[in-house]
Amino acid sequence: MAELPQLSIDAPIAGQSLTSELGNRPWENPPQYTTVEEALEYYIPRIMEPSLRNDMLNVLEMGVPITTFANAVQMSAVMQGKHTIDIGVLVLPVLIEAIAYVADMEGIEYTTGTERQIEDNTFSESNIALAKKRIQERMANEKNKPAMKEEMPVEEDDMEDDDDMMMEPQAPMGGLMARRA
């Protein structure tokens, strides 16, 4: 018999973050680095540090785009109170270039995450066959439709029914959620 997952009693309570004292969280305090230059002086030595460098290159070799890795690094620094999100956005392009430079120096193949996907504009045989089938069905439906109302003979009984319908008030068509009769 499959075991049911245990509920975590240690999970935060909804809204708990709104009850803590202002300034208890790192991002609620003034940032450690207030300019782009200071933030880059924080990042560049860390990227060149052997332990982080090897881990970073392993991640890039696995196919993670540089933009994803750089964004994770700068968001982590924002949450640690190193700099503001504004500085993080400004530092991001330089950080991406620095990471690409390190990967190039080591001969690592990487994706930047900014490459555009080349769309293949060819259609498969199954898509072409399906489109032909749909067109043929539409053409068959058009042939089987009755002739237009002007071509059909009009009887007097039909005229009276049309006049009655014109006199009856009809409910206005509403929006997307309107009820249909």
C-alpha atoms as a PDB file:
ATOM      1  CA  MET A   1       0.000   0.000   0.000  1.00  0.00           C
ATOM      2  CA  ALA A   2       1.336   3.441  -0.928  1.00  0.00           C
ATOM      3  CA  GLU A   3       2.292   5.733   1.911  1.00  0.00           C
ATOM      4  CA  LEU A   4       0.632   9.115   2.167  1.00  0.00           C
ATOM      5  CA  PRO A   5       2.977  12.106   2.271  1.00  0.00           C
ATOM      6  CA  GLN A   6       3.481  13.614   5.707  1.00  0.00           C
ATOM      7  CA  LEU A   7       2.296  17.158   6.243  1.00  0.00           C
ATOM      8  CA  SER A   8       4.978  19.620   7.233  1.00  0.00           C
ATOM      9  CA  ILE A   9       4.203  21.365  10.495  1.00  0.00           C
ATOM     10  CA  ASP A  10       7.225  23.638  10.151  1.00  0.00           C
ATOM     11  CA  ALA A  11       5.931  25.425   7.037  1.00  0.00           C
ATOM     12  CA  PRO A  12       5.357  29.179   7.286  1.00  0.00           C
ATOM     13  CA  ILE A  13       1.849  30.404   7.971  1.00  0.00           C
ATOM     14  CA  ALA A  14       0.151  32.344   5.213  1.00  0.00           C
ATOM     15  CA  GLY A  15       0.816  36.057   5.722  1.00  0.00           C
ATOM     16  CA  GLN A  16       3.622  35.405   8.196  1.00  0.00           C
ATOM     17  CA  SER A  17       5.976  37.560   6.156  1.00  0.00           C
ATOM     18  CA  LEU A  18       3.706  40.522   6.808  1.00  0.00           C
ATOM     19  CA  THR A  19       3.972  40.144  10.574  1.00  0.00           C
ATOM     20  CA  SER A  20       7.743  40.360  10.999  1.00  0.00           C
ATOM     21  CA  GLU A  21       9.438  43.539  12.093  1.00  0.00           C
ATOM     22  CA  LEU A  22      10.486  45.850   9.298  1.00  0.00           C
ATOM     23  CA  GLY A  23      14.191  45.439   8.621  1.00  0.00           C
ATOM     24  CA  ASN A  24      14.493  41.811   9.769  1.00  0.00           C
ATOM     25  CA  ARG A  25      14.929  40.584   6.189  1.00  0.00           C
ATOM     26  CA  PRO A  26      18.124  41.326   4.221  1.00  0.00           C
ATOM     27  CA  TRP A  27      16.250  42.929   1.325  1.00  0.00           C
ATOM     28  CA  GLU A  28      14.433  45.286   3.719  1.00  0.00           C
ATOM     29  CA  ASN A  29      17.714  46.912   4.760  1.00  0.00           C
ATOM     30  CA  PRO A  30      19.855  49.320   2.751  1.00  0.00           C
ATOM     31  CA  PRO A  31      21.914  47.416   0.144  1.00  0.00           C
ATOM     32  CA  GLN A  32      25.576  46.673   0.685  1.00  0.00           C
ATOM     33  CA  TYR A  33      26.508  47.859  -2.853  1.00  0.00           C
ATOM     34  CA  THR A  34      24.753  50.923  -4.227  1.00  0.00           C
ATOM     35  CA  THR A  35      26.385  51.359  -7.641  1.00  0.00           C
ATOM     36  CA  VAL A  36      26.889  49.136 -10.651  1.00  0.00           C
ATOM     37  CA  GLU A  37      30.655  49.412 -10.278  1.00  0.00           C
ATOM     38  CA  GLU A  38      30.542  48.236  -6.645  1.00  0.00           C
ATOM     39  CA  ALA A  39      28.295  45.321  -7.594  1.00  0.00           C
ATOM     40  CA  LEU A  40      30.658  44.299 -10.392  1.00  0.00           C
ATOM     41  CA  GLU A  41      33.580  44.447  -7.949  1.00  0.00           C
ATOM     42  CA  TYR A  42      31.578  41.923  -5.904  1.00  0.00           C
ATOM     43  CA  TYR A  43      30.701  39.606  -8.833  1.00  0.00           C
ATOM     44  CA  ILE A  44      33.869  39.439 -10.949  1.00  0.00           C
ATOM     45  CA  PRO A  45      36.182  38.024  -8.239  1.00  0.00           C
ATOM     46  CA  ARG A  46      33.496  35.494  -7.286  1.00  0.00           C
ATOM     47  CA  ILE A  47      33.193  34.303 -10.906  1.00  0.00           C
ATOM     48  CA  MET A  48      36.942  33.831 -11.064  1.00  0.00           C
ATOM     49  CA  GLU A  49      37.036  31.967  -7.741  1.00  0.00           C
ATOM     50  CA  PRO A  50      37.996  28.326  -8.527  1.00  0.00           C
ATOM     51  CA  SER A  51      35.190  26.642  -6.570  1.00  0.00           C
ATOM     52  CA  LEU A  52      32.378  28.731  -8.039  1.00  0.00           C
ATOM     53  CA  ARG A  53      34.029  28.759 -11.451  1.00  0.00           C
ATOM     54  CA  ASN A  54      34.097  24.964 -11.697  1.00  0.00           C
ATOM     55  CA  ASP A  55      30.485  24.660 -10.573  1.00  0.00           C
ATOM     56  CA  MET A  56      29.441  27.376 -13.010  1.00  0.00           C
ATOM     57  CA  LEU A  57      31.199  25.672 -15.917  1.00  0.00           C
ATOM     58  CA  ASN A  58      29.593  22.339 -15.017  1.00  0.00           C
ATOM     59  CA  VAL A  59      26.174  23.960 -15.081  1.00  0.00           C
ATOM     60  CA  LEU A  60      26.881  25.560 -18.461  1.00  0.00           C
ATOM     61  CA  GLU A  61      28.108  22.229 -19.856  1.00  0.00           C
ATOM     62  CA  MET A  62      24.773  20.668 -18.868  1.00  0.00           C
ATOM     63  CA  GLY A  63      23.025  23.081 -21.219  1.00  0.00           C
ATOM     64  CA  VAL A  64      21.730  25.735 -18.838  1.00  0.00           C
ATOM     65  CA  PRO A  65      21.777  29.081 -20.681  1.00  0.00           C
ATOM     66  CA  ILE A  66      24.103  31.767 -19.364  1.00  0.00           C
ATOM     67  CA  THR A  67      21.187  34.182 -18.966  1.00  0.00           C
ATOM     68  CA  THR A  68      19.410  31.754 -16.636  1.00  0.00           C
ATOM     69  CA  PHE A  69      22.519  31.220 -14.526  1.00  0.00           C
ATOM     70  CA  ALA A  70      23.378  34.939 -14.363  1.00  0.00           C
ATOM     71  CA  ASN A  71      19.809  35.854 -13.442  1.00  0.00           C
ATOM     72  CA  ALA A  72      19.798  33.295 -10.625  1.00  0.00           C
ATOM     73  CA  VAL A  73      23.091  34.645  -9.284  1.00  0.00           C
ATOM     74  CA  GLN A  74      21.978  38.284  -9.298  1.00  0.00           C
ATOM     75  CA  MET A  75      18.534  37.481  -7.807  1.00  0.00           C
ATOM     76  CA  SER A  76      20.271  35.576  -5.025  1.00  0.00           C
ATOM     77  CA  ALA A  77      22.413  38.632  -4.310  1.00  0.00           C
ATOM     78  CA  VAL A  78      19.284  40.826  -4.234  1.00  0.00           C
ATOM     79  CA  MET A  79      17.685  38.503  -1.669  1.00  0.00           C
ATOM     80  CA  GLN A  80      20.867  38.581   0.403  1.00  0.00           C
ATOM     81  CA  GLY A  81      20.762  42.377   0.448  1.00  0.00           C
ATOM     82  CA  LYS A  82      23.947  42.799  -1.577  1.00  0.00           C
ATOM     83  CA  HIS A  83      22.300  45.258  -4.013  1.00  0.00           C
ATOM     84  CA  THR A  84      18.867  46.373  -5.187  1.00  0.00           C
ATOM     85  CA  ILE A  85      16.935  44.826  -8.025  1.00  0.00           C
ATOM     86  CA  ASP A  86      17.646  47.948 -10.101  1.00  0.00           C
ATOM     87  CA  ILE A  87      21.383  47.437  -9.780  1.00  0.00           C
ATOM     88  CA  GLY A  88      20.868  43.740 -10.559  1.00  0.00           C
ATOM     89  CA  VAL A  89      19.127  44.558 -13.830  1.00  0.00           C
ATOM     90  CA  LEU A  90      21.921  46.932 -14.800  1.00  0.00           C
ATOM     91  CA  VAL A  91      24.649  44.445 -13.848  1.00  0.00           C
ATOM     92  CA  LEU A  92      23.060  41.504 -15.664  1.00  0.00           C
ATOM     93  CA  PRO A  93      24.402  42.172 -19.203  1.00  0.00           C
ATOM     94  CA  VAL A  94      27.956  42.646 -17.902  1.00  0.00           C
ATOM     95  CA  LEU A  95      27.608  39.524 -15.768  1.00  0.00           C
ATOM     96  CA  ILE A  96      26.448  37.523 -18.797  1.00  0.00           C
ATOM     97  CA  GLU A  97      29.439  38.729 -20.818  1.00  0.00           C
ATOM     98  CA  ALA A  98      31.855  37.901 -17.986  1.00  0.00           C
ATOM     99  CA  ILE A  99      30.455  34.380 -17.651  1.00  0.00           C
ATOM    100  CA  ALA A 100      30.664  33.892 -21.437  1.00  0.00           C
ATOM    101  CA  TYR A 101      34.281  35.096 -21.343  1.00  0.00           C
ATOM    102  CA  VAL A 102      35.174  32.543 -18.660  1.00  0.00           C
ATOM    103  CA  ALA A 103      33.424  29.778 -20.620  1.00  0.00           C
ATOM    104  CA  ASP A 104      35.275  30.787 -23.792  1.00  0.00           C
ATOM    105  CA  MET A 105      38.614  30.742 -21.926  1.00  0.00           C
ATOM    106  CA  GLU A 106      37.925  27.190 -20.758  1.00  0.00           C
ATOM    107  CA  GLY A 107      36.643  26.031 -24.153  1.00  0.00           C
ATOM    108  CA  ILE A 108      33.156  25.246 -22.852  1.00  0.00           C
ATOM    109  CA  GLU A 109      30.319  25.178 -25.373  1.00  0.00           C
ATOM    110  CA  TYR A 110      27.351  27.144 -24.047  1.00  0.00           C
ATOM    111  CA  THR A 111      24.117  28.813 -25.019  1.00  0.00           C
ATOM    112  CA  THR A 112      23.547  32.408 -24.070  1.00  0.00           C
ATOM    113  CA  GLY A 113      19.778  32.088 -23.926  1.00  0.00           C
ATOM    114  CA  THR A 114      19.341  35.037 -26.285  1.00  0.00           C
ATOM    115  CA  GLU A 115      19.570  33.035 -29.511  1.00  0.00           C
ATOM    116  CA  ARG A 116      16.469  33.056 -31.623  1.00  0.00           C
ATOM    117  CA  GLN A 117      14.975  29.761 -32.590  1.00  0.00           C
ATOM    118  CA  ILE A 118      15.002  29.327 -36.360  1.00  0.00           C
ATOM    119  CA  GLU A 119      11.520  28.363 -37.344  1.00  0.00           C
ATOM    120  CA  ASP A 120      11.133  25.507 -39.753  1.00  0.00           C
ATOM    121  CA  ASN A 121       8.585  26.720 -42.301  1.00  0.00           C
ATOM    122  CA  THR A 122       8.195  23.342 -43.967  1.00  0.00           C
ATOM    123  CA  PHE A 123       5.024  21.397 -43.386  1.00  0.00           C
ATOM    124  CA  SER A 124       4.953  17.699 -42.697  1.00  0.00           C
ATOM    125  CA  GLU A 125       3.095  15.378 -45.039  1.00  0.00           C
ATOM    126  CA  SER A 126       0.544  14.591 -42.329  1.00  0.00           C
ATOM    127  CA  ASN A 127      -0.267  18.314 -41.847  1.00  0.00           C
ATOM    128  CA  ILE A 128      -0.730  18.753 -45.599  1.00  0.00           C
ATOM    129  CA  ALA A 129      -3.005  15.690 -45.801  1.00  0.00           C
ATOM    130  CA  LEU A 130      -5.053  16.942 -42.836  1.00  0.00           C
ATOM    131  CA  ALA A 131      -5.467  20.382 -44.422  1.00  0.00           C
ATOM    132  CA  LYS A 132      -6.599  18.797 -47.724  1.00  0.00           C
ATOM    133  CA  LYS A 133      -9.133  16.655 -45.891  1.00  0.00           C
ATOM    134  CA  ARG A 134     -10.586  19.669 -44.062  1.00  0.00           C
ATOM    135  CA  ILE A 135     -10.883  21.664 -47.287  1.00  0.00           C
ATOM    136  CA  GLN A 136     -12.637  18.771 -49.013  1.00  0.00           C
ATOM    137  CA  GLU A 137     -15.077  18.449 -46.094  1.00  0.00           C
ATOM    138  CA  ARG A 138     -15.864  22.167 -46.249  1.00  0.00           C
ATOM    139  CA  MET A 139     -16.447  22.006 -49.980  1.00  0.00           C
ATOM    140  CA  ALA A 140     -18.760  19.002 -49.543  1.00  0.00           C
ATOM    141  CA  ASN A 141     -20.693  20.845 -46.823  1.00  0.00           C
ATOM    142  CA  GLU A 142     -21.057  23.880 -49.105  1.00  0.00           C
ATOM    143  CA  LYS A 143     -22.495  21.698 -51.888  1.00  0.00           C
ATOM    144  CA  ASN A 144     -24.968  20.019 -49.502  1.00  0.00           C
ATOM    145  CA  LYS A 145     -26.313  23.276 -48.070  1.00  0.00           C
ATOM    146  CA  PRO A 146     -29.808  24.272 -49.228  1.00  0.00           C
ATOM    147  CA  ALA A 147     -30.067  27.062 -51.758  1.00  0.00           C
ATOM    148  CA  MET A 148     -30.190  30.635 -50.519  1.00  0.00           C
ATOM    149  CA  LYS A 149     -33.491  31.991 -49.202  1.00  0.00           C
ATOM    150  CA  GLU A 150     -33.986  34.338 -52.200  1.00  0.00           C
ATOM    151  CA  GLU A 151     -33.955  31.366 -54.556  1.00  0.00           C
ATOM    152  CA  MET A 152     -36.499  29.366 -52.548  1.00  0.00           C
ATOM    153  CA  PRO A 153     -40.188  29.958 -53.239  1.00  0.00           C
ATOM    154  CA  VAL A 154     -41.734  32.044 -50.512  1.00  0.00           C
ATOM    155  CA  GLU A 155     -45.090  30.943 -49.121  1.00  0.00           C
ATOM    156  CA  GLU A 156     -47.514  33.270 -47.367  1.00  0.00           C
ATOM    157  CA  ASP A 157     -47.450  31.208 -44.145  1.00  0.00           C
ATOM    158  CA  ASP A 158     -43.709  31.765 -43.872  1.00  0.00           C
ATOM    159  CA  MET A 159     -44.213  35.513 -44.303  1.00  0.00           C
ATOM    160  CA  GLU A 160     -46.642  35.679 -41.358  1.00  0.00           C
ATOM    161  CA  ASP A 161     -44.202  33.836 -39.064  1.00  0.00           C
ATOM    162  CA  ASP A 162     -41.429  36.247 -40.003  1.00  0.00           C
ATOM    163  CA  ASP A 163     -43.677  39.233 -39.209  1.00  0.00           C
ATOM    164  CA  ASP A 164     -44.522  37.782 -35.764  1.00  0.00           C
ATOM    165  CA  MET A 165     -40.862  37.299 -34.978  1.00  0.00           C
ATOM    166  CA  MET A 166     -40.122  40.874 -35.954  1.00  0.00           C
ATOM    167  CA  MET A 167     -42.704  42.170 -33.469  1.00  0.00           C
ATOM    168  CA  GLU A 168     -41.434  40.159 -30.492  1.00  0.00           C
ATOM    169  CA  PRO A 169     -38.752  41.873 -28.443  1.00  0.00           C
ATOM    170  CA  GLN A 170     -35.579  39.898 -28.296  1.00  0.00           C
ATOM    171  CA  ALA A 171     -33.094  39.844 -25.482  1.00  0.00           C
ATOM    172  CA  PRO A 172     -29.944  41.803 -26.277  1.00  0.00           C
ATOM    173  CA  MET A 173     -26.832  39.808 -26.966  1.00  0.00           C
ATOM    174  CA  GLY A 174     -24.548  40.210 -24.006  1.00  0.00           C
ATOM    175  CA  GLY A 175     -20.860  39.746 -23.534  1.00  0.00           C
ATOM    176  CA  LEU A 176     -18.979  36.498 -23.329  1.00  0.00           C
ATOM    177  CA  MET A 177     -20.893  35.335 -20.249  1.00  0.00           C
ATOM    178  CA  ALA A 178     -24.382  36.141 -21.541  1.00  0.00           C
ATOM    179  CA  ARG A 179     -26.914  33.304 -21.524  1.00  0.00           C
ATOM    180  CA  ARG A 180     -28.018  31.929 -24.794  1.00  0.00           C
ATOM    181  CA  ALA A 181     -31.587  30.989 -25.560  1.00  0.00           C
END
